[in-house]
Amino acid sequence: MVRLTRIYTRGGDMGETSLAGGSRVSKDSLRLEAIGAVDEANAAIGVARLHVAADLDSLLARIQNELFDLGADLATPLADNESQSEALRIQDDQVARLEREIDTFNSHLPPLSSFVLPGGTPAAAHLHQARTIVRRAERRLVAAMAEAPFNPVALAYLNRLSDHLFVLARHANGRGEADVLWRPGATREGGA
């Protein structure tokens, strides 16, 4: 159990922070960029939860907890010959659960005839915003992986989570009925 009795430590006043295990890194490192984007995604999901129905709220609550696990995963450098029990890592079963939920929700949605613009209901708009932040976290993690090894399942989780949030946004749009569809060239003179 985590117990925080002091909120500020002054340890980051010189532009560095500690990773799990105690090593220090610059706050502008690619690792910290990825961790920060995951934190932003979690906050955006927290806002989305204020607007969703109960059926989505429980899913999003679990995902918020998993994003904290993901942050811990990214903050813990991979050790040589690390066993599964040594560090908190995102696991394949968490990615598989997202896939099952995507398939379940998507099976109740009409097929798309165009790309979906972020919007529709407030819940869908917030879920789309969270989705774009997850995509940024994914890009930041890819960049960080070029510098150091990371749990590859973490990247798969982010990739699947963005798809998950897209499908949940469509679900929140009256099962796709209130989706705002892209109309290519619609605003050009003589457009569609």
Protein backbone atom coordinates (compact mmCIF):
# COMPACT_ATOMS: atom_id res chain seq x y z
CA MET A 1 0.00 0.00 0.00
CA VAL A 2 1.23 3.48 -0.87
CA ARG A 3 1.28 6.00 1.94
CA LEU A 4 2.01 9.65 1.24
CA THR A 5 2.49 11.83 4.27
CA ARG A 6 4.37 14.62 2.53
CA ILE A 7 3.38 16.03 -0.85
CA TYR A 8 6.46 18.09 -1.70
CA THR A 9 10.02 16.82 -1.38
CA ARG A 10 12.03 19.57 -3.14
CA GLY A 11 13.82 16.72 -4.94
CA GLY A 12 12.72 18.01 -8.34
CA ASP A 13 13.70 21.63 -7.83
CA MET A 14 16.76 21.22 -10.06
CA GLY A 15 14.86 19.69 -12.99
CA GLU A 16 15.32 16.02 -12.17
CA THR A 17 13.08 13.37 -10.67
CA SER A 18 13.53 9.86 -9.31
CA LEU A 19 12.47 6.69 -11.05
CA ALA A 20 11.45 3.56 -9.19
CA GLY A 21 14.65 2.17 -7.79
CA GLY A 22 16.09 5.61 -7.10
CA SER A 23 17.89 6.54 -10.32
CA ARG A 24 17.52 10.21 -11.30
CA VAL A 25 16.47 11.49 -14.73
CA SER A 26 15.84 14.87 -16.26
CA LYS A 27 12.21 15.96 -16.19
CA ASP A 28 12.37 16.51 -19.95
CA SER A 29 13.52 12.96 -20.69
CA LEU A 30 11.52 10.93 -23.20
CA ARG A 31 10.62 8.49 -20.41
CA LEU A 32 9.10 11.31 -18.36
CA GLU A 33 7.33 12.66 -21.47
CA ALA A 34 5.63 9.27 -21.86
CA ILE A 35 4.76 9.06 -18.16
CA GLY A 36 3.38 12.60 -18.25
CA ALA A 37 1.20 11.87 -21.29
CA VAL A 38 -0.18 8.78 -19.54
CA ASP A 39 -0.99 10.97 -16.52
CA GLU A 40 -2.73 13.51 -18.79
CA ALA A 41 -4.76 10.72 -20.38
CA ASN A 42 -5.81 9.54 -16.95
CA ALA A 43 -6.95 13.06 -16.01
CA ALA A 44 -8.91 13.37 -19.28
CA ILE A 45 -10.62 10.05 -18.56
CA GLY A 46 -11.50 11.41 -15.11
CA VAL A 47 -13.28 14.33 -16.79
CA ALA A 48 -15.02 11.99 -19.24
CA ARG A 49 -16.33 9.94 -16.31
CA LEU A 50 -18.32 12.98 -15.17
CA HIS A 51 -20.37 12.71 -18.37
CA VAL A 52 -20.78 8.99 -19.08
CA ALA A 53 -23.52 6.57 -18.12
CA ALA A 54 -22.95 3.96 -15.42
CA ASP A 55 -22.14 1.20 -17.92
CA LEU A 56 -19.05 3.10 -19.09
CA ASP A 57 -18.08 4.56 -15.73
CA SER A 58 -17.01 1.22 -14.25
CA LEU A 59 -14.90 0.43 -17.33
CA LEU A 60 -13.24 3.82 -17.18
CA ALA A 61 -12.59 3.49 -13.43
CA ARG A 62 -10.72 0.24 -14.09
CA ILE A 63 -8.79 1.86 -16.94
CA GLN A 64 -7.76 4.76 -14.70
CA ASN A 65 -6.32 2.30 -12.23
CA GLU A 66 -4.53 0.47 -15.05
CA LEU A 67 -3.05 3.78 -16.24
CA PHE A 68 -1.52 4.23 -12.78
CA ASP A 69 -0.09 0.71 -13.15
CA LEU A 70 1.22 1.74 -16.57
CA GLY A 71 2.86 4.82 -15.08
CA ALA A 72 4.57 2.60 -12.50
CA ASP A 73 5.66 0.26 -15.31
CA LEU A 74 7.19 3.12 -17.31
CA ALA A 75 8.87 4.56 -14.20
CA THR A 76 10.57 1.23 -13.45
CA PRO A 77 13.52 0.54 -15.74
CA LEU A 78 13.61 -3.01 -17.08
CA ALA A 79 16.15 -5.15 -15.28
CA ASP A 80 18.16 -7.92 -16.91
CA ASN A 81 16.46 -11.29 -16.35
CA GLU A 82 13.54 -9.64 -14.56
CA SER A 83 10.88 -12.05 -13.39
CA GLN A 84 7.17 -11.25 -13.78
CA SER A 85 6.76 -10.74 -10.03
CA GLU A 86 9.62 -8.30 -9.54
CA ALA A 87 7.97 -5.14 -10.90
CA LEU A 88 4.47 -3.92 -11.58
CA ARG A 89 4.10 -4.38 -15.34
CA ILE A 90 1.18 -4.16 -17.74
CA GLN A 91 0.39 -7.69 -18.87
CA ASP A 92 -1.02 -9.36 -21.98
CA ASP A 93 -4.31 -10.20 -20.25
CA GLN A 94 -5.00 -6.48 -19.75
CA VAL A 95 -4.56 -5.88 -23.49
CA ALA A 96 -6.76 -8.88 -24.25
CA ARG A 97 -9.50 -7.52 -21.96
CA LEU A 98 -9.46 -4.22 -23.87
CA GLU A 99 -9.76 -6.16 -27.13
CA ARG A 100 -12.75 -8.12 -25.85
CA GLU A 101 -14.46 -4.94 -24.72
CA ILE A 102 -13.74 -3.23 -28.05
CA ASP A 103 -15.30 -6.17 -29.89
CA THR A 104 -18.33 -6.21 -27.59
CA PHE A 105 -19.09 -2.50 -27.86
CA ASN A 106 -18.26 -2.34 -31.56
CA SER A 107 -20.68 -5.18 -32.33
CA HIS A 108 -23.55 -2.86 -31.32
CA LEU A 109 -22.42 0.04 -33.53
CA PRO A 110 -23.32 0.69 -37.15
CA PRO A 111 -20.40 0.41 -39.60
CA LEU A 112 -18.74 3.71 -40.43
CA SER A 113 -19.12 5.33 -43.85
CA SER A 114 -16.67 8.14 -43.00
CA PHE A 115 -14.21 9.18 -40.35
CA VAL A 116 -15.69 10.42 -37.07
CA LEU A 117 -15.00 13.96 -35.92
CA PRO A 118 -14.56 14.44 -32.15
CA GLY A 119 -17.89 15.61 -30.77
CA GLY A 120 -21.51 14.66 -30.52
CA THR A 121 -22.41 14.33 -26.87
CA PRO A 122 -20.29 15.82 -24.06
CA ALA A 123 -19.30 12.28 -22.99
CA ALA A 124 -18.14 11.39 -26.51
CA ALA A 125 -16.22 14.65 -26.90
CA HIS A 126 -14.33 14.02 -23.65
CA LEU A 127 -13.64 10.40 -24.61
CA HIS A 128 -12.26 11.56 -27.96
CA GLN A 129 -10.02 14.04 -26.17
CA ALA A 130 -8.75 11.28 -23.89
CA ARG A 131 -8.17 9.12 -26.98
CA THR A 132 -5.95 11.75 -28.58
CA ILE A 133 -3.92 12.11 -25.39
CA VAL A 134 -3.45 8.32 -25.28
CA ARG A 135 -2.17 8.51 -28.88
CA ARG A 136 0.35 11.13 -27.75
CA ALA A 137 1.44 8.88 -24.88
CA GLU A 138 1.91 6.10 -27.42
CA ARG A 139 4.10 8.32 -29.62
CA ARG A 140 6.15 9.43 -26.62
CA LEU A 141 6.67 5.84 -25.54
CA VAL A 142 7.83 4.85 -29.03
CA ALA A 143 10.40 7.65 -28.86
CA ALA A 144 11.51 6.58 -25.37
CA MET A 145 11.84 2.95 -26.54
CA ALA A 146 14.48 4.09 -29.03
CA GLU A 147 16.65 5.11 -26.07
CA ALA A 148 15.98 2.39 -23.50
CA PRO A 149 14.17 -0.93 -23.20
CA PHE A 150 10.58 -0.90 -21.94
CA ASN A 151 7.91 -3.51 -21.41
CA PRO A 152 6.58 -4.00 -24.98
CA VAL A 153 3.12 -4.84 -23.63
CA ALA A 154 2.89 -1.24 -22.37
CA LEU A 155 2.96 0.00 -25.96
CA ALA A 156 0.34 -2.54 -27.04
CA TYR A 157 -1.85 -1.44 -24.12
CA LEU A 158 -1.73 2.22 -25.20
CA ASN A 159 -2.45 1.30 -28.80
CA ARG A 160 -5.47 -0.76 -27.83
CA LEU A 161 -6.66 1.82 -25.29
CA SER A 162 -6.96 4.50 -27.94
CA ASP A 163 -9.12 2.16 -30.02
CA HIS A 164 -11.14 1.33 -26.90
CA LEU A 165 -11.82 5.01 -26.19
CA PHE A 166 -12.84 5.57 -29.82
CA VAL A 167 -15.43 2.79 -29.61
CA LEU A 168 -16.66 4.03 -26.21
CA ALA A 169 -17.04 7.54 -27.68
CA ARG A 170 -19.23 6.14 -30.44
CA HIS A 171 -21.22 4.18 -27.85
CA ALA A 172 -21.65 7.40 -25.83
CA ASN A 173 -22.96 9.04 -29.01
CA GLY A 174 -26.19 7.06 -28.84
CA ARG A 175 -24.51 3.93 -30.19
CA GLY A 176 -23.20 5.90 -33.13
CA GLU A 177 -26.42 7.77 -33.92
CA ALA A 178 -24.99 11.13 -32.80
CA ASP A 179 -21.56 10.61 -34.40
CA VAL A 180 -20.31 13.67 -36.25
CA LEU A 181 -18.97 12.40 -39.58
CA TRP A 182 -16.24 14.00 -41.65
CA ARG A 183 -17.50 15.38 -44.94
CA PRO A 184 -14.40 15.64 -47.16
CA GLY A 185 -14.16 18.98 -48.93
CA ALA A 186 -17.52 20.16 -47.59
CA THR A 187 -16.31 23.70 -46.87
CA ARG A 188 -14.53 24.28 -50.17
CA GLU A 189 -16.20 26.45 -52.72
CA GLY A 190 -18.44 24.13 -54.70
CA GLY A 191 -17.72 21.45 -52.06
CA ALA A 192 -19.59 18.25 -51.42
